[in-house]
Amino acid sequence: QVQLVESGGGLVQPGGSLRLSCAASGFTSFGRWTMRWYRQAPGKERELVAGMLLIGGRRDYADSVKDRFTISRDNVNNMLFLQMNNLKPEDTAVYYCNAIYGSLRYWGQGTQVTVSS
């Protein structure tokens, strides 16, 4: 069955970096799926962080993470990544991997990112 599994979260100091990974399994033609990262902080709604479809194509970012986060994907190994640099306390949240194709949408279970000194 289709599954998305995130990893790479943890505790990091402000200004530090983390790289999140999302392993996708059970997908047919993974490269055709739009892949996104969302996050949800305590007491807040889930928000879109970054998204992309084609490798080398357009990438969209939330204003709050532009120039700090980079989304990428590996369609050979069915992986999605989020490189997060210069992390701030307000980046603390559970980060979710999301896959979209037409009316189909799948979510991972999330990985916790905590930015604190």
C-alpha atoms as a PDB file:
ATOM      1  CA  GLN A   1       0.000   0.000   0.000  1.00  0.00           C
ATOM      2  CA  VAL A   2       1.007   3.642  -0.352  1.00  0.00           C
ATOM      3  CA  GLN A   3       3.138   4.902   2.479  1.00  0.00           C
ATOM      4  CA  LEU A   4       5.095   8.041   3.317  1.00  0.00           C
ATOM      5  CA  VAL A   5       7.616   7.889   6.145  1.00  0.00           C
ATOM      6  CA  GLU A   6       9.389  11.010   7.361  1.00  0.00           C
ATOM      7  CA  SER A   7      12.682  11.064   9.231  1.00  0.00           C
ATOM      8  CA  GLY A   8      15.451  13.455  10.189  1.00  0.00           C
ATOM      9  CA  GLY A   9      13.689  15.591  12.768  1.00  0.00           C
ATOM     10  CA  GLY A  10      15.163  16.415  16.140  1.00  0.00           C
ATOM     11  CA  LEU A  11      16.344  19.121  18.494  1.00  0.00           C
ATOM     12  CA  VAL A  12      18.610  21.806  17.055  1.00  0.00           C
ATOM     13  CA  GLN A  13      19.867  25.163  18.275  1.00  0.00           C
ATOM     14  CA  PRO A  14      18.833  28.398  16.565  1.00  0.00           C
ATOM     15  CA  GLY A  15      20.948  28.941  13.472  1.00  0.00           C
ATOM     16  CA  GLY A  16      21.461  25.225  13.008  1.00  0.00           C
ATOM     17  CA  SER A  17      20.470  22.933  10.152  1.00  0.00           C
ATOM     18  CA  LEU A  18      18.475  19.764   9.644  1.00  0.00           C
ATOM     19  CA  ARG A  19      17.668  17.659   6.610  1.00  0.00           C
ATOM     20  CA  LEU A  20      14.303  15.952   6.556  1.00  0.00           C
ATOM     21  CA  SER A  21      13.676  12.914   4.409  1.00  0.00           C
ATOM     22  CA  CYS A  22      10.460  11.310   3.237  1.00  0.00           C
ATOM     23  CA  ALA A  23      10.540   7.769   1.911  1.00  0.00           C
ATOM     24  CA  ALA A  24       7.667   6.977  -0.445  1.00  0.00           C
ATOM     25  CA  SER A  25       6.590   3.409  -1.140  1.00  0.00           C
ATOM     26  CA  GLY A  26       3.760   1.817  -3.071  1.00  0.00           C
ATOM     27  CA  PHE A  27       3.550   4.677  -5.563  1.00  0.00           C
ATOM     28  CA  THR A  28       3.118   4.192  -9.271  1.00  0.00           C
ATOM     29  CA  SER A  29       5.201   6.687 -11.268  1.00  0.00           C
ATOM     30  CA  PHE A  30       6.381   8.633  -8.238  1.00  0.00           C
ATOM     31  CA  GLY A  31       7.802  11.363 -10.478  1.00  0.00           C
ATOM     32  CA  ARG A  32       4.289  12.367 -11.530  1.00  0.00           C
ATOM     33  CA  TRP A  33       3.209  13.198  -8.005  1.00  0.00           C
ATOM     34  CA  THR A  34       3.357  16.720  -6.641  1.00  0.00           C
ATOM     35  CA  MET A  35       5.267  16.505  -3.383  1.00  0.00           C
ATOM     36  CA  ARG A  36       4.992  18.989  -0.533  1.00  0.00           C
ATOM     37  CA  TRP A  37       6.169  19.581   2.995  1.00  0.00           C
ATOM     38  CA  TYR A  38       3.714  20.939   5.545  1.00  0.00           C
ATOM     39  CA  ARG A  39       4.196  21.755   9.199  1.00  0.00           C
ATOM     40  CA  GLN A  40       1.977  22.200  12.201  1.00  0.00           C
ATOM     41  CA  ALA A  41       2.999  23.988  15.356  1.00  0.00           C
ATOM     42  CA  PRO A  42       1.124  23.503  18.648  1.00  0.00           C
ATOM     43  CA  GLY A  43      -2.131  25.415  18.626  1.00  0.00           C
ATOM     44  CA  LYS A  44      -1.768  26.410  14.978  1.00  0.00           C
ATOM     45  CA  GLU A  45      -3.178  25.191  11.691  1.00  0.00           C
ATOM     46  CA  ARG A  46      -1.129  23.049   9.373  1.00  0.00           C
ATOM     47  CA  GLU A  47       0.677  25.238   6.843  1.00  0.00           C
ATOM     48  CA  LEU A  48       2.372  24.608   3.517  1.00  0.00           C
ATOM     49  CA  VAL A  49       6.141  24.957   3.754  1.00  0.00           C
ATOM     50  CA  ALA A  50       7.395  23.930   0.315  1.00  0.00           C
ATOM     51  CA  GLY A  51       6.278  22.062  -2.784  1.00  0.00           C
ATOM     52  CA  MET A  52       7.537  20.808  -6.122  1.00  0.00           C
ATOM     53  CA  LEU A  53       6.548  18.627  -9.054  1.00  0.00           C
ATOM     54  CA  LEU A  54       9.315  18.211 -11.569  1.00  0.00           C
ATOM     55  CA  ILE A  55      12.976  17.945 -10.794  1.00  0.00           C
ATOM     56  CA  GLY A  56      14.461  21.168 -12.110  1.00  0.00           C
ATOM     57  CA  GLY A  57      11.030  22.695 -12.239  1.00  0.00           C
ATOM     58  CA  ARG A  58       9.252  25.260 -10.150  1.00  0.00           C
ATOM     59  CA  ARG A  59       9.558  25.121  -6.377  1.00  0.00           C
ATOM     60  CA  ASP A  60       7.210  27.009  -4.085  1.00  0.00           C
ATOM     61  CA  TYR A  61       8.058  28.146  -0.581  1.00  0.00           C
ATOM     62  CA  ALA A  62       6.248  29.857   2.231  1.00  0.00           C
ATOM     63  CA  ASP A  63       7.558  33.397   2.688  1.00  0.00           C
ATOM     64  CA  SER A  64       8.718  32.508   6.181  1.00  0.00           C
ATOM     65  CA  VAL A  65      11.190  29.891   4.903  1.00  0.00           C
ATOM     66  CA  LYS A  66      12.375  31.370   1.598  1.00  0.00           C
ATOM     67  CA  ASP A  67      16.166  31.494   1.268  1.00  0.00           C
ATOM     68  CA  ARG A  68      16.520  29.141   4.252  1.00  0.00           C
ATOM     69  CA  PHE A  69      14.776  25.918   3.178  1.00  0.00           C
ATOM     70  CA  THR A  70      15.292  23.887   0.000  1.00  0.00           C
ATOM     71  CA  ILE A  71      12.978  21.141  -1.239  1.00  0.00           C
ATOM     72  CA  SER A  72      14.331  18.394  -3.487  1.00  0.00           C
ATOM     73  CA  ARG A  73      13.422  14.909  -4.641  1.00  0.00           C
ATOM     74  CA  ASP A  74      15.003  11.710  -5.916  1.00  0.00           C
ATOM     75  CA  ASN A  75      12.604   9.957  -8.277  1.00  0.00           C
ATOM     76  CA  VAL A  76      14.872   6.935  -8.663  1.00  0.00           C
ATOM     77  CA  ASN A  77      14.710   6.105  -4.973  1.00  0.00           C
ATOM     78  CA  ASN A  78      11.263   7.657  -4.359  1.00  0.00           C
ATOM     79  CA  MET A  79      12.520  10.155  -1.829  1.00  0.00           C
ATOM     80  CA  LEU A  80      11.621  13.725  -0.888  1.00  0.00           C
ATOM     81  CA  PHE A  81      13.914  16.007   1.098  1.00  0.00           C
ATOM     82  CA  LEU A  82      13.795  19.312   2.913  1.00  0.00           C
ATOM     83  CA  GLN A  83      17.081  20.994   3.721  1.00  0.00           C
ATOM     84  CA  MET A  84      16.518  23.490   6.512  1.00  0.00           C
ATOM     85  CA  ASN A  85      19.215  26.040   7.292  1.00  0.00           C
ATOM     86  CA  ASN A  86      19.402  28.929   9.740  1.00  0.00           C
ATOM     87  CA  LEU A  87      16.613  27.429  11.780  1.00  0.00           C
ATOM     88  CA  LYS A  88      14.604  29.666  14.072  1.00  0.00           C
ATOM     89  CA  PRO A  89      12.507  28.876  17.151  1.00  0.00           C
ATOM     90  CA  GLU A  90       9.385  29.648  15.120  1.00  0.00           C
ATOM     91  CA  ASP A  91      10.257  26.735  12.836  1.00  0.00           C
ATOM     92  CA  THR A  92       9.412  24.367  15.689  1.00  0.00           C
ATOM     93  CA  ALA A  93       6.626  22.091  14.485  1.00  0.00           C
ATOM     94  CA  VAL A  94       5.741  18.627  13.307  1.00  0.00           C
ATOM     95  CA  TYR A  95       6.722  18.372   9.646  1.00  0.00           C
ATOM     96  CA  TYR A  96       4.635  16.274   7.280  1.00  0.00           C
ATOM     97  CA  CYS A  97       5.330  14.871   3.842  1.00  0.00           C
ATOM     98  CA  ASN A  98       2.410  15.095   1.403  1.00  0.00           C
ATOM     99  CA  ALA A  99       1.840  13.529  -2.013  1.00  0.00           C
ATOM    100  CA  ILE A 100      -0.811  14.742  -4.459  1.00  0.00           C
ATOM    101  CA  TYR A 101      -1.987  13.396  -7.825  1.00  0.00           C
ATOM    102  CA  GLY A 102      -5.338  14.541  -9.085  1.00  0.00           C
ATOM    103  CA  SER A 103      -7.856  13.828  -6.337  1.00  0.00           C
ATOM    104  CA  LEU A 104      -5.473  11.497  -4.502  1.00  0.00           C
ATOM    105  CA  ARG A 105      -3.656  12.764  -1.457  1.00  0.00           C
ATOM    106  CA  TYR A 106      -1.458  10.961   1.040  1.00  0.00           C
ATOM    107  CA  TRP A 107       0.213  12.046   4.273  1.00  0.00           C
ATOM    108  CA  GLY A 108       3.088  10.775   6.331  1.00  0.00           C
ATOM    109  CA  GLN A 109       2.965  10.464  10.102  1.00  0.00           C
ATOM    110  CA  GLY A 110       5.189  13.484  10.667  1.00  0.00           C
ATOM    111  CA  THR A 111       8.549  14.175  12.271  1.00  0.00           C
ATOM    112  CA  GLN A 112       9.119  16.609  15.120  1.00  0.00           C
ATOM    113  CA  VAL A 113      11.500  19.524  14.658  1.00  0.00           C
ATOM    114  CA  THR A 114      12.352  21.549  17.747  1.00  0.00           C
ATOM    115  CA  VAL A 115      14.529  24.649  17.537  1.00  0.00           C
ATOM    116  CA  SER A 116      15.657  25.754  20.954  1.00  0.00           C
ATOM    117  CA  SER A 117      18.745  26.808  22.846  1.00  0.00           C
END
